[in-house]
Amino acid sequence: MAAKQYIEDKTIDNNNFDTRLFINECQFENCTFLACDFSSVNISNATFLDCHFKDCNLSLCKTRDTAFRNIKFTNCKILGVRFDECNLFALEVGFEHCILNDSSFFQLKLKKTEFKNCQLKGVDFVQSDLTSSLFLNCDLDSAVFDNTILEKADLSSSINYAIDPDKNSIKQAKFSLHGLPGLLHKYQIKIVQ
C-alpha cells in the first residue's frame, strides 16, 4: 500500500471528485473545499484535519475509516452518509445550513456537536451520546432517538422531533413549549392552546 499523499493549506474549489481519484490515499490538513462534488465517491481511509467543506455535495459517499477531526460543514448536501463507519478516534464535526437526511450517527460520541439550521429528516441517532449538543433551528422529522444521551442538549428551537423520555436520557436538556408534543407523542394525546 502506498503512503498517503499529504495536502495542506489548500483551497479546492468546484472540483468533481470521481472514482478515478484516490482520495482514500490522501490526508488533508487545514484545507477548504468549495462547491466540490463527492457524491457516491469512496473517501474511505482518507484523513481530514481542521478542514471546512462549503457548498459541497457528499451524498452517499463511502466513509469507512474516514477520519474527520475538527471539521466544519457549511451549506452542504450530505444525504445517506454513514458517519458511524468513520474512524472514531477524535471524531469532531459541526454542521451549519446542511441537509443530512437519512444519514447515520449510530452509537457515536458527539458531545457538544453543533447542528445549526440543518435538515435532519430520518437521521439515525440511536445509542449516540449527544451530551451538550446544540440543535439550532433544525428539522428532525422522523429522526430516530433510542437509548440516546441528550443530557444538557439544546433542542429548544428545533421542530418535528419525537423523543421518548423513557427510552432516552434527557436530563437538563432544553425543549420549547411548542416542542412538547414531540416528547409526549407516544401517549397519543392532543395538546391545545
N, C-alpha and C. Protein backbone atom coordinates (compact mmCIF):
# COMPACT_ATOMS: atom_id res chain seq x y z
N MET A 1 0.84 -1.19 0.00
CA MET A 1 0.00 0.00 0.00
C MET A 1 0.89 1.25 0.00
N ALA A 2 0.57 2.19 -0.85
CA ALA A 2 1.36 3.42 -0.97
C ALA A 2 1.11 4.32 0.22
N ALA A 3 2.09 5.17 0.53
CA ALA A 3 1.95 6.12 1.61
C ALA A 3 0.91 7.16 1.23
N LYS A 4 0.25 7.71 2.24
CA LYS A 4 -0.76 8.73 1.98
C LYS A 4 -0.12 10.00 1.44
N GLN A 5 -0.80 10.60 0.48
CA GLN A 5 -0.38 11.90 -0.03
C GLN A 5 -0.85 12.95 0.97
N TYR A 6 0.01 13.91 1.29
CA TYR A 6 -0.28 14.92 2.29
C TYR A 6 -0.56 16.25 1.60
N ILE A 7 -1.77 16.80 1.82
CA ILE A 7 -2.17 18.06 1.20
C ILE A 7 -2.53 19.03 2.32
N GLU A 8 -1.87 20.18 2.35
CA GLU A 8 -2.03 21.12 3.46
C GLU A 8 -2.29 22.53 2.95
N ASP A 9 -3.15 23.25 3.68
CA ASP A 9 -3.40 24.68 3.43
C ASP A 9 -3.81 24.99 1.99
N LYS A 10 -4.69 24.16 1.43
CA LYS A 10 -5.14 24.37 0.05
C LYS A 10 -6.64 24.69 0.05
N THR A 11 -7.03 25.47 -0.95
CA THR A 11 -8.45 25.65 -1.24
C THR A 11 -8.73 24.91 -2.53
N ILE A 12 -9.65 23.97 -2.45
CA ILE A 12 -10.00 23.15 -3.61
C ILE A 12 -11.43 23.53 -3.96
N ASP A 13 -11.62 24.11 -5.15
CA ASP A 13 -12.96 24.58 -5.47
C ASP A 13 -13.51 24.02 -6.77
N ASN A 14 -14.83 23.87 -6.74
CA ASN A 14 -15.60 23.41 -7.90
C ASN A 14 -15.01 22.16 -8.54
N ASN A 15 -14.62 21.22 -7.70
CA ASN A 15 -13.99 20.00 -8.18
C ASN A 15 -14.99 18.86 -8.15
N ASN A 16 -15.04 18.09 -9.22
CA ASN A 16 -15.90 16.93 -9.29
C ASN A 16 -15.04 15.69 -9.05
N PHE A 17 -15.07 15.19 -7.82
CA PHE A 17 -14.28 14.02 -7.49
C PHE A 17 -14.98 12.79 -8.04
N ASP A 18 -14.23 11.88 -8.57
CA ASP A 18 -14.84 10.66 -9.07
C ASP A 18 -14.00 9.47 -8.66
N THR A 19 -14.40 8.30 -9.08
CA THR A 19 -13.75 7.07 -8.62
C THR A 19 -12.33 6.90 -9.14
N ARG A 20 -11.92 7.69 -10.11
CA ARG A 20 -10.55 7.57 -10.61
C ARG A 20 -9.55 8.26 -9.68
N LEU A 21 -10.04 9.12 -8.82
CA LEU A 21 -9.15 9.81 -7.89
C LEU A 21 -9.03 8.98 -6.62
N PHE A 22 -7.85 8.93 -6.08
CA PHE A 22 -7.59 8.11 -4.90
C PHE A 22 -7.57 8.97 -3.65
N ILE A 23 -8.73 9.51 -3.33
CA ILE A 23 -8.85 10.37 -2.15
C ILE A 23 -8.52 9.59 -0.90
N ASN A 24 -8.81 8.29 -0.91
CA ASN A 24 -8.55 7.48 0.28
C ASN A 24 -7.07 7.34 0.57
N GLU A 25 -6.22 7.78 -0.34
CA GLU A 25 -4.78 7.76 -0.09
C GLU A 25 -4.26 9.14 0.29
N CYS A 26 -5.17 10.04 0.68
CA CYS A 26 -4.78 11.42 0.98
C CYS A 26 -5.07 11.80 2.43
N GLN A 27 -4.25 12.68 2.92
CA GLN A 27 -4.51 13.34 4.19
C GLN A 27 -4.57 14.83 3.92
N PHE A 28 -5.72 15.44 4.24
CA PHE A 28 -5.93 16.86 4.02
C PHE A 28 -5.88 17.57 5.37
N GLU A 29 -5.06 18.59 5.47
CA GLU A 29 -4.99 19.35 6.71
C GLU A 29 -5.15 20.83 6.41
N ASN A 30 -6.05 21.47 7.17
CA ASN A 30 -6.33 22.89 7.03
C ASN A 30 -6.70 23.25 5.59
N CYS A 31 -7.53 22.43 4.97
CA CYS A 31 -7.97 22.67 3.59
C CYS A 31 -9.42 23.12 3.59
N THR A 32 -9.78 23.87 2.56
CA THR A 32 -11.15 24.30 2.35
C THR A 32 -11.63 23.72 1.02
N PHE A 33 -12.78 23.08 1.06
CA PHE A 33 -13.39 22.51 -0.14
C PHE A 33 -14.61 23.37 -0.47
N LEU A 34 -14.60 24.01 -1.64
CA LEU A 34 -15.69 24.89 -2.05
C LEU A 34 -16.43 24.31 -3.25
N ALA A 35 -17.73 24.09 -3.10
CA ALA A 35 -18.58 23.61 -4.19
C ALA A 35 -18.02 22.35 -4.85
N CYS A 36 -17.50 21.44 -4.05
CA CYS A 36 -16.96 20.18 -4.56
C CYS A 36 -18.03 19.09 -4.50
N ASP A 37 -17.97 18.18 -5.47
CA ASP A 37 -18.94 17.10 -5.53
C ASP A 37 -18.26 15.77 -5.19
N PHE A 38 -18.57 15.26 -4.00
CA PHE A 38 -18.06 13.98 -3.53
C PHE A 38 -19.16 12.91 -3.59
N SER A 39 -20.28 13.20 -4.22
CA SER A 39 -21.42 12.29 -4.17
C SER A 39 -21.06 10.91 -4.71
N SER A 40 -21.37 9.90 -3.90
CA SER A 40 -21.11 8.48 -4.19
C SER A 40 -19.63 8.14 -4.35
N VAL A 41 -18.74 9.03 -3.93
CA VAL A 41 -17.30 8.78 -4.04
C VAL A 41 -16.82 8.03 -2.80
N ASN A 42 -15.88 7.14 -2.99
CA ASN A 42 -15.29 6.40 -1.88
C ASN A 42 -14.17 7.23 -1.26
N ILE A 43 -14.45 7.80 -0.08
CA ILE A 43 -13.41 8.55 0.63
C ILE A 43 -12.94 7.76 1.86
N SER A 44 -13.18 6.45 1.84
CA SER A 44 -12.76 5.60 2.94
C SER A 44 -11.26 5.72 3.17
N ASN A 45 -10.88 5.70 4.43
CA ASN A 45 -9.47 5.76 4.87
C ASN A 45 -8.81 7.11 4.65
N ALA A 46 -9.50 8.08 4.06
CA ALA A 46 -8.92 9.42 3.93
C ALA A 46 -8.92 10.09 5.30
N THR A 47 -8.06 11.07 5.46
CA THR A 47 -7.97 11.82 6.71
C THR A 47 -8.19 13.29 6.42
N PHE A 48 -9.11 13.90 7.16
CA PHE A 48 -9.39 15.33 7.05
C PHE A 48 -9.18 15.95 8.43
N LEU A 49 -8.23 16.88 8.54
CA LEU A 49 -7.92 17.53 9.81
C LEU A 49 -8.13 19.04 9.64
N ASP A 50 -8.91 19.64 10.53
CA ASP A 50 -9.12 21.09 10.51
C ASP A 50 -9.54 21.60 9.14
N CYS A 51 -10.50 20.92 8.52
CA CYS A 51 -10.96 21.28 7.18
C CYS A 51 -12.37 21.86 7.22
N HIS A 52 -12.70 22.60 6.16
CA HIS A 52 -14.02 23.20 6.02
C HIS A 52 -14.59 22.82 4.65
N PHE A 53 -15.77 22.22 4.66
CA PHE A 53 -16.50 21.88 3.45
C PHE A 53 -17.62 22.90 3.30
N LYS A 54 -17.62 23.64 2.20
CA LYS A 54 -18.64 24.66 1.99
C LYS A 54 -19.29 24.47 0.63
N ASP A 55 -20.64 24.43 0.62
CA ASP A 55 -21.41 24.26 -0.61
C ASP A 55 -21.05 22.97 -1.34
N CYS A 56 -20.74 21.93 -0.60
CA CYS A 56 -20.32 20.66 -1.20
C CYS A 56 -21.46 19.64 -1.18
N ASN A 57 -21.34 18.64 -2.04
CA ASN A 57 -22.27 17.51 -2.05
C ASN A 57 -21.50 16.26 -1.67
N LEU A 58 -21.82 15.70 -0.50
CA LEU A 58 -21.18 14.47 -0.03
C LEU A 58 -22.18 13.32 0.04
N SER A 59 -23.30 13.46 -0.64
CA SER A 59 -24.36 12.45 -0.55
C SER A 59 -23.87 11.07 -0.96
N LEU A 60 -24.20 10.10 -0.11
CA LEU A 60 -23.89 8.68 -0.36
C LEU A 60 -22.40 8.39 -0.54
N CYS A 61 -21.53 9.29 -0.08
CA CYS A 61 -20.09 8.97 -0.17
C CYS A 61 -19.78 7.86 0.85
N LYS A 62 -18.78 7.07 0.54
CA LYS A 62 -18.37 5.95 1.40
C LYS A 62 -17.34 6.46 2.40
N THR A 63 -17.58 6.18 3.69
CA THR A 63 -16.76 6.78 4.74
C THR A 63 -16.13 5.76 5.69
N ARG A 64 -15.94 4.54 5.24
CA ARG A 64 -15.36 3.54 6.14
C ARG A 64 -13.95 3.96 6.55
N ASP A 65 -13.75 4.13 7.87
CA ASP A 65 -12.47 4.52 8.47
C ASP A 65 -11.98 5.89 8.02
N THR A 66 -12.87 6.73 7.50
CA THR A 66 -12.51 8.11 7.18
C THR A 66 -12.36 8.88 8.49
N ALA A 67 -11.30 9.66 8.60
CA ALA A 67 -11.07 10.46 9.80
C ALA A 67 -11.55 11.88 9.55
N PHE A 68 -12.50 12.33 10.36
CA PHE A 68 -12.98 13.71 10.34
C PHE A 68 -12.63 14.30 11.69
N ARG A 69 -11.63 15.14 11.74
CA ARG A 69 -11.18 15.74 13.00
C ARG A 69 -11.25 17.26 12.89
N ASN A 70 -12.10 17.85 13.71
CA ASN A 70 -12.34 19.29 13.71
C ASN A 70 -12.76 19.76 12.31
N ILE A 71 -13.89 19.24 11.85
CA ILE A 71 -14.39 19.51 10.51
C ILE A 71 -15.68 20.32 10.60
N LYS A 72 -15.78 21.32 9.73
CA LYS A 72 -16.99 22.13 9.64
C LYS A 72 -17.60 21.95 8.26
N PHE A 73 -18.90 21.67 8.26
CA PHE A 73 -19.67 21.55 7.02
C PHE A 73 -20.65 22.72 6.98
N THR A 74 -20.60 23.51 5.91
CA THR A 74 -21.50 24.65 5.77
C THR A 74 -22.23 24.57 4.43
N ASN A 75 -23.55 24.65 4.50
CA ASN A 75 -24.38 24.64 3.30
C ASN A 75 -24.08 23.43 2.41
N CYS A 76 -23.96 22.28 3.02
CA CYS A 76 -23.62 21.04 2.29
C CYS A 76 -24.82 20.10 2.21
N LYS A 77 -24.83 19.31 1.17
CA LYS A 77 -25.83 18.25 0.99
C LYS A 77 -25.12 16.95 1.35
N ILE A 78 -25.62 16.29 2.41
CA ILE A 78 -24.95 15.11 2.96
C ILE A 78 -26.00 14.03 3.20
N LEU A 79 -26.59 13.54 2.14
CA LEU A 79 -27.67 12.57 2.25
C LEU A 79 -27.13 11.16 2.38
N GLY A 80 -27.67 10.40 3.34
CA GLY A 80 -27.37 8.98 3.46
C GLY A 80 -25.93 8.64 3.78
N VAL A 81 -25.23 9.50 4.50
CA VAL A 81 -23.83 9.25 4.84
C VAL A 81 -23.73 8.50 6.16
N ARG A 82 -22.89 7.49 6.19
CA ARG A 82 -22.71 6.64 7.37
C ARG A 82 -21.54 7.16 8.22
N PHE A 83 -21.80 8.21 9.00
CA PHE A 83 -20.76 8.72 9.90
C PHE A 83 -20.38 7.66 10.93
N ASP A 84 -21.27 6.71 11.19
CA ASP A 84 -20.98 5.65 12.14
C ASP A 84 -19.91 4.68 11.64
N GLU A 85 -19.55 4.76 10.37
CA GLU A 85 -18.49 3.92 9.82
C GLU A 85 -17.14 4.63 9.79
N CYS A 86 -17.13 5.90 10.20
CA CYS A 86 -15.88 6.68 10.18
C CYS A 86 -14.90 6.19 11.24
N ASN A 87 -13.67 6.63 11.11
CA ASN A 87 -12.68 6.43 12.16
C ASN A 87 -13.16 7.22 13.37
N LEU A 88 -13.35 6.56 14.49
CA LEU A 88 -13.94 7.20 15.65
C LEU A 88 -12.95 7.98 16.49
N PHE A 89 -11.66 7.79 16.25
CA PHE A 89 -10.65 8.49 17.06
C PHE A 89 -10.73 9.99 16.80
N ALA A 90 -11.00 10.75 17.83
CA ALA A 90 -11.06 12.22 17.78
C ALA A 90 -12.06 12.74 16.75
N LEU A 91 -13.12 11.98 16.49
CA LEU A 91 -14.15 12.43 15.55
C LEU A 91 -14.78 13.71 16.08
N GLU A 92 -14.73 14.76 15.26
CA GLU A 92 -15.31 16.04 15.65
C GLU A 92 -15.82 16.75 14.40
N VAL A 93 -17.14 16.97 14.36
CA VAL A 93 -17.78 17.58 13.20
C VAL A 93 -18.78 18.63 13.68
N GLY A 94 -19.08 19.58 12.81
CA GLY A 94 -20.10 20.57 13.07
C GLY A 94 -20.80 20.90 11.75
N PHE A 95 -22.09 21.20 11.83
CA PHE A 95 -22.90 21.38 10.63
C PHE A 95 -23.70 22.66 10.71
N GLU A 96 -23.69 23.43 9.62
CA GLU A 96 -24.49 24.64 9.55
C GLU A 96 -25.14 24.74 8.17
N HIS A 97 -26.45 24.92 8.16
CA HIS A 97 -27.22 25.00 6.91
C HIS A 97 -26.98 23.78 6.02
N CYS A 98 -27.00 22.60 6.62
CA CYS A 98 -26.75 21.36 5.87
C CYS A 98 -28.02 20.51 5.80
N ILE A 99 -28.10 19.70 4.75
CA ILE A 99 -29.16 18.71 4.62
C ILE A 99 -28.51 17.35 4.86
N LEU A 100 -28.86 16.72 5.98
CA LEU A 100 -28.25 15.47 6.41
C LEU A 100 -29.25 14.31 6.40
N ASN A 101 -30.32 14.44 5.66
CA ASN A 101 -31.39 13.44 5.68
C ASN A 101 -30.86 12.02 5.47
N ASP A 102 -31.41 11.10 6.26
CA ASP A 102 -31.12 9.67 6.17
C ASP A 102 -29.66 9.30 6.44
N SER A 103 -28.92 10.17 7.10
CA SER A 103 -27.55 9.85 7.49
C SER A 103 -27.58 9.12 8.83
N SER A 104 -26.44 8.52 9.20
CA SER A 104 -26.39 7.73 10.43
C SER A 104 -25.26 8.19 11.35
N PHE A 105 -25.65 8.42 12.60
CA PHE A 105 -24.70 8.72 13.67
C PHE A 105 -24.83 7.65 14.76
N PHE A 106 -25.20 6.45 14.37
CA PHE A 106 -25.45 5.33 15.27
C PHE A 106 -24.26 5.10 16.21
N GLN A 107 -24.54 5.12 17.50
CA GLN A 107 -23.58 4.81 18.58
C GLN A 107 -22.37 5.74 18.62
N LEU A 108 -22.46 6.95 18.06
CA LEU A 108 -21.30 7.84 18.07
C LEU A 108 -21.29 8.73 19.30
N LYS A 109 -20.10 9.07 19.74
CA LYS A 109 -19.92 10.05 20.82
C LYS A 109 -19.75 11.40 20.15
N LEU A 110 -20.78 12.23 20.26
CA LEU A 110 -20.81 13.53 19.58
C LEU A 110 -21.09 14.65 20.58
N LYS A 111 -20.46 14.59 21.72
CA LYS A 111 -20.68 15.61 22.74
C LYS A 111 -20.35 16.99 22.18
N LYS A 112 -21.21 17.95 22.51
CA LYS A 112 -21.04 19.36 22.13
C LYS A 112 -21.04 19.59 20.62
N THR A 113 -21.64 18.68 19.87
CA THR A 113 -21.73 18.86 18.42
C THR A 113 -22.80 19.90 18.10
N GLU A 114 -22.51 20.75 17.12
CA GLU A 114 -23.46 21.78 16.72
C GLU A 114 -24.11 21.44 15.39
N PHE A 115 -25.43 21.45 15.39
CA PHE A 115 -26.24 21.33 14.19
C PHE A 115 -27.04 22.62 14.12
N LYS A 116 -26.67 23.51 13.21
CA LYS A 116 -27.34 24.80 13.11
C LYS A 116 -28.09 24.91 11.79
N ASN A 117 -29.39 25.17 11.88
CA ASN A 117 -30.22 25.36 10.69
C ASN A 117 -30.10 24.19 9.72
N CYS A 118 -30.18 22.99 10.26
CA CYS A 118 -30.00 21.78 9.44
C CYS A 118 -31.30 21.01 9.28
N GLN A 119 -31.39 20.29 8.19
CA GLN A 119 -32.47 19.35 7.96
C GLN A 119 -31.93 17.96 8.29
N LEU A 120 -32.54 17.32 9.28
CA LEU A 120 -32.06 16.04 9.80
C LEU A 120 -33.16 14.98 9.72
N LYS A 121 -33.89 14.97 8.63
CA LYS A 121 -35.02 14.05 8.48
C LYS A 121 -34.53 12.61 8.34
N GLY A 122 -35.08 11.74 9.18
CA GLY A 122 -34.76 10.32 9.10
C GLY A 122 -33.35 9.97 9.57
N VAL A 123 -32.69 10.87 10.27
CA VAL A 123 -31.32 10.61 10.74
C VAL A 123 -31.35 9.63 11.91
N ASP A 124 -30.37 8.73 11.94
CA ASP A 124 -30.26 7.72 12.99
C ASP A 124 -29.33 8.22 14.09
N PHE A 125 -29.92 8.53 15.25
CA PHE A 125 -29.15 8.93 16.43
C PHE A 125 -29.23 7.84 17.51
N VAL A 126 -29.57 6.62 17.14
CA VAL A 126 -29.74 5.54 18.10
C VAL A 126 -28.42 5.30 18.86
N GLN A 127 -28.52 5.26 20.17
CA GLN A 127 -27.40 4.98 21.09
C GLN A 127 -26.25 5.98 20.94
N SER A 128 -26.53 7.17 20.44
CA SER A 128 -25.49 8.20 20.34
C SER A 128 -25.41 8.99 21.63
N ASP A 129 -24.25 9.56 21.88
CA ASP A 129 -24.06 10.45 23.02
C ASP A 129 -24.00 11.88 22.48
N LEU A 130 -25.08 12.61 22.65
CA LEU A 130 -25.19 13.99 22.17
C LEU A 130 -25.22 14.97 23.34
N THR A 131 -24.54 14.62 24.41
CA THR A 131 -24.49 15.47 25.59
C THR A 131 -24.03 16.88 25.21
N SER A 132 -24.78 17.87 25.68
CA SER A 132 -24.46 19.30 25.47
C SER A 132 -24.40 19.71 24.00
N SER A 133 -25.03 18.95 23.14
CA SER A 133 -25.07 19.31 21.72
C SER A 133 -26.14 20.37 21.48
N LEU A 134 -25.96 21.11 20.39
CA LEU A 134 -26.88 22.18 20.03
C LEU A 134 -27.59 21.83 18.73
N PHE A 135 -28.91 21.83 18.77
CA PHE A 135 -29.74 21.67 17.59
C PHE A 135 -30.48 22.99 17.40
N LEU A 136 -29.90 23.90 16.65
CA LEU A 136 -30.45 25.23 16.47
C LEU A 136 -31.28 25.28 15.19
N ASN A 137 -32.58 25.50 15.33
CA ASN A 137 -33.48 25.62 14.18
C ASN A 137 -33.37 24.43 13.23
N CYS A 138 -33.40 23.24 13.76
CA CYS A 138 -33.27 22.03 12.94
C CYS A 138 -34.62 21.34 12.77
N ASP A 139 -34.79 20.69 11.63
CA ASP A 139 -35.98 19.88 11.37
C ASP A 139 -35.59 18.41 11.58
N LEU A 140 -36.15 17.80 12.61
CA LEU A 140 -35.80 16.43 13.00
C LEU A 140 -36.94 15.45 12.69
N ASP A 141 -37.69 15.73 11.64
CA ASP A 141 -38.81 14.87 11.26
C ASP A 141 -38.31 13.44 10.99
N SER A 142 -38.89 12.49 11.67
CA SER A 142 -38.57 11.06 11.53
C SER A 142 -37.15 10.69 11.96
N ALA A 143 -36.44 11.60 12.61
CA ALA A 143 -35.13 11.24 13.18
C ALA A 143 -35.37 10.23 14.29
N VAL A 144 -34.45 9.28 14.44
CA VAL A 144 -34.64 8.19 15.39
C VAL A 144 -33.74 8.39 16.61
N PHE A 145 -34.39 8.54 17.77
CA PHE A 145 -33.70 8.64 19.05
C PHE A 145 -34.12 7.44 19.88
N ASP A 146 -33.19 6.57 20.21
CA ASP A 146 -33.49 5.41 21.03
C ASP A 146 -32.24 5.09 21.84
N ASN A 147 -32.36 5.14 23.14
CA ASN A 147 -31.21 4.93 24.02
C ASN A 147 -30.13 5.97 23.72
N THR A 148 -30.58 7.18 23.40
CA THR A 148 -29.70 8.29 23.05
C THR A 148 -29.49 9.17 24.27
N ILE A 149 -28.28 9.66 24.45
CA ILE A 149 -27.99 10.57 25.55
C ILE A 149 -28.11 12.00 25.03
N LEU A 150 -29.10 12.70 25.54
CA LEU A 150 -29.35 14.10 25.15
C LEU A 150 -29.23 15.03 26.35
N GLU A 151 -28.51 14.62 27.35
CA GLU A 151 -28.38 15.42 28.56
C GLU A 151 -27.73 16.77 28.23
N LYS A 152 -28.34 17.84 28.73
CA LYS A 152 -27.88 19.21 28.52
C LYS A 152 -27.88 19.64 27.05
N ALA A 153 -28.50 18.86 26.18
CA ALA A 153 -28.61 19.25 24.77
C ALA A 153 -29.67 20.33 24.64
N ASP A 154 -29.54 21.17 23.63
CA ASP A 154 -30.50 22.25 23.40
C ASP A 154 -31.25 22.00 22.11
N LEU A 155 -32.53 21.63 22.24
CA LEU A 155 -33.42 21.43 21.10
C LEU A 155 -34.55 22.45 21.13
N SER A 156 -34.37 23.52 21.86
CA SER A 156 -35.48 24.46 22.11
C SER A 156 -35.97 25.18 20.87
N SER A 157 -35.17 25.26 19.83
CA SER A 157 -35.61 25.95 18.61
C SER A 157 -35.87 24.97 17.46
N SER A 158 -35.76 23.69 17.72
CA SER A 158 -35.93 22.68 16.67
C SER A 158 -37.36 22.17 16.63
N ILE A 159 -37.71 21.54 15.50
CA ILE A 159 -39.08 21.10 15.28
C ILE A 159 -39.15 19.65 14.81
N ASN A 160 -40.34 19.09 14.91
CA ASN A 160 -40.71 17.78 14.35
C ASN A 160 -39.98 16.59 14.96
N TYR A 161 -39.44 16.73 16.15
CA TYR A 161 -38.78 15.57 16.76
C TYR A 161 -39.79 14.75 17.54
N ALA A 162 -39.47 13.48 17.69
CA ALA A 162 -40.26 12.56 18.53
C ALA A 162 -39.24 11.83 19.41
N ILE A 163 -39.21 12.23 20.67
CA ILE A 163 -38.22 11.68 21.61
C ILE A 163 -38.96 11.12 22.81
N ASP A 164 -38.80 9.85 23.06
CA ASP A 164 -39.44 9.19 24.19
C ASP A 164 -38.56 9.39 25.44
N PRO A 165 -39.04 10.17 26.43
CA PRO A 165 -38.25 10.40 27.64
C PRO A 165 -37.95 9.11 28.42
N ASP A 166 -38.73 8.06 28.21
CA ASP A 166 -38.50 6.80 28.90
C ASP A 166 -37.37 5.98 28.25
N LYS A 167 -37.09 6.25 26.99
CA LYS A 167 -36.08 5.47 26.26
C LYS A 167 -34.81 6.26 25.97
N ASN A 168 -34.77 7.53 26.38
CA ASN A 168 -33.62 8.39 26.12
C ASN A 168 -33.28 9.17 27.38
N SER A 169 -32.04 9.53 27.51
CA SER A 169 -31.60 10.29 28.67
C SER A 169 -31.65 11.78 28.32
N ILE A 170 -32.60 12.51 28.94
CA ILE A 170 -32.80 13.91 28.57
C ILE A 170 -32.62 14.86 29.76
N LYS A 171 -31.92 14.45 30.78
CA LYS A 171 -31.73 15.26 31.97
C LYS A 171 -31.10 16.61 31.59
N GLN A 172 -31.73 17.68 32.03
CA GLN A 172 -31.30 19.06 31.81
C GLN A 172 -31.25 19.47 30.33
N ALA A 173 -31.88 18.70 29.45
CA ALA A 173 -31.98 19.12 28.05
C ALA A 173 -33.00 20.24 27.95
N LYS A 174 -32.85 21.07 26.93
CA LYS A 174 -33.76 22.20 26.73
C LYS A 174 -34.70 21.92 25.57
N PHE A 175 -36.00 22.10 25.85
CA PHE A 175 -37.05 21.96 24.85
C PHE A 175 -37.96 23.17 24.99
N SER A 176 -38.59 23.55 23.92
CA SER A 176 -39.53 24.66 23.99
C SER A 176 -40.94 24.13 24.22
N LEU A 177 -41.84 25.03 24.58
CA LEU A 177 -43.22 24.65 24.78
C LEU A 177 -43.83 24.10 23.49
N HIS A 178 -43.47 24.69 22.33
CA HIS A 178 -44.03 24.19 21.06
C HIS A 178 -43.48 22.80 20.70
N GLY A 179 -42.40 22.38 21.36
CA GLY A 179 -41.85 21.05 21.11
C GLY A 179 -42.39 19.98 22.04
N LEU A 180 -43.21 20.39 22.98
CA LEU A 180 -43.78 19.45 23.94
C LEU A 180 -44.46 18.24 23.30
N PRO A 181 -45.21 18.40 22.22
CA PRO A 181 -45.82 17.21 21.59
C PRO A 181 -44.78 16.17 21.15
N GLY A 182 -43.59 16.60 20.83
CA GLY A 182 -42.54 15.66 20.43
C GLY A 182 -42.05 14.79 21.57
N LEU A 183 -42.32 15.21 22.79
CA LEU A 183 -41.93 14.42 23.96
C LEU A 183 -43.09 13.55 24.46
N LEU A 184 -44.28 13.88 24.03
CA LEU A 184 -45.47 13.17 24.51
C LEU A 184 -46.17 12.37 23.42
N HIS A 185 -45.55 12.25 22.25
CA HIS A 185 -46.19 11.62 21.10
C HIS A 185 -46.66 10.19 21.37
N LYS A 186 -45.92 9.47 22.18
CA LYS A 186 -46.27 8.05 22.41
C LYS A 186 -47.59 7.89 23.16
N TYR A 187 -48.02 8.96 23.84
CA TYR A 187 -49.27 8.89 24.59
C TYR A 187 -50.49 9.20 23.72
N GLN A 188 -50.25 9.61 22.51
CA GLN A 188 -51.31 9.92 21.55
C GLN A 188 -52.33 10.90 22.14
N ILE A 189 -51.80 11.91 22.80
CA ILE A 189 -52.67 12.94 23.35
C ILE A 189 -52.60 14.18 22.46
N LYS A 190 -53.63 15.01 22.57
CA LYS A 190 -53.66 16.25 21.81
C LYS A 190 -53.43 17.42 22.75
N ILE A 191 -52.50 18.26 22.38
CA ILE A 191 -52.19 19.44 23.19
C ILE A 191 -52.78 20.64 22.47
N VAL A 192 -53.62 21.40 23.17
CA VAL A 192 -54.23 22.59 22.57
C VAL A 192 -53.84 23.81 23.37
N GLN A 193 -53.90 24.95 22.70
CA GLN A 193 -53.58 26.22 23.38
C GLN A 193 -54.79 27.06 23.54
